[in-house]
Every structure is written in C-alpha cells, then in structure tokens.
Amino acid sequence: MSINIHKYSREPTGPTGATGDTGPAGATGPAVLLGGIQAQLVGSSGGTIVNGENVIFDTVINNQSAAISYNTGTGEFTVTALGNYYVSWWVATDGTAGPATVNFAINLNGGGSVTGSSPLVTGQVVGSALITVSTVSSTITLVNNTTDTVGFATTLIQANIVITEVS
C-alpha cells in the first residue's frame, strides 16, 4: 500500500485591484399590489336568511382597496375600477325547511350568478368566482339562492367573503 502525500505552499495574497465600472441599471419590475376587502357576518348566530336576500355582512375585517366599498345596509360591494376580481366566500348553515340542497350565489349587478351548493343543509357552503367588472360602479352581492329560507349556524362567524383585485 502506498500513500501519496502532497505538500502545498501558499503564496501571500497581493493587494486588491481597483473596482470596475458599475453596469447599467436593469429594467424596473412590475408593481404588484394585493388589494381587496374582507367582510364577515358575526351577528346572526341562529338567525335566518330568506330566499333571494343578500347576505348582510356586519363587520368589515380589512379594506385594502380604494376601488371597493361596502354598504352594511344592503349587502352590496360597489366596485369603481374596471378589471378582474377574485371572490371567495363561505356560509355556515343550520338547515332549511324545503330543499335538500343549500345554494348561495355571487351576483354581479343583480345577475350573472356563480353558485356554490351543498347537499348538506347543516354545514358550510363554499364558493369562488373570477369576475370581470366592465362597468364603473358595479355591485357584487352574495345571495341566498336556495328557493327557501336558510338558517345560519350557531357559530362565532356565520359567513365570510374576500374580494381580491387581480391585475
């Protein structure tokens, strides 16, 4: 068996040279801002909502948008800037006297609904939609579309909605 041993020597390091010219600045990246609004319904534990009525969120959790406002009297979100918006929502339900399916829908300007359904009348109905706002001062609402009165669950929060601006 042979072992090779190498001896390395290290020369002293010389002085650092002059710094070179700075290169040109790169292009500015896109400005990405996440804006939107979040609202919840916290005051209807055990209450009900009639078919065709808007969910009236009673608490705005956060509003990071100059383009979206909320009317606590009507349940309408008013959008004043054209563009695309992502809406996600849920409603905690506690039964209905009629159908075996609970439906809630996002409506844009009173029509064009996107429905979320659940065959469980006690639980949570969830939905989401990508909406294009093409008219200034458009309204977005969440509506009971079940064809009957629906009970809200006896939970701390009965409903939640988030509307996010998409660039």
Foldseek 3Di string as FASTA:
>chain_A
DDDDDDDDDDDDDDDDDDDDDDDDDDDDDDDDDKFWWKFFAQPQAFHKDWAFAFDQGDGTPDGRDPQWDADNVRQKIWGADFAKKKKKKKFAFDAWPDDQKWKKWKAKQNDPTDIWMDSHLGGMTIDMDIDGDPDGGIIITIGGNRNGMITFHNDRTGMMMIMIGDD
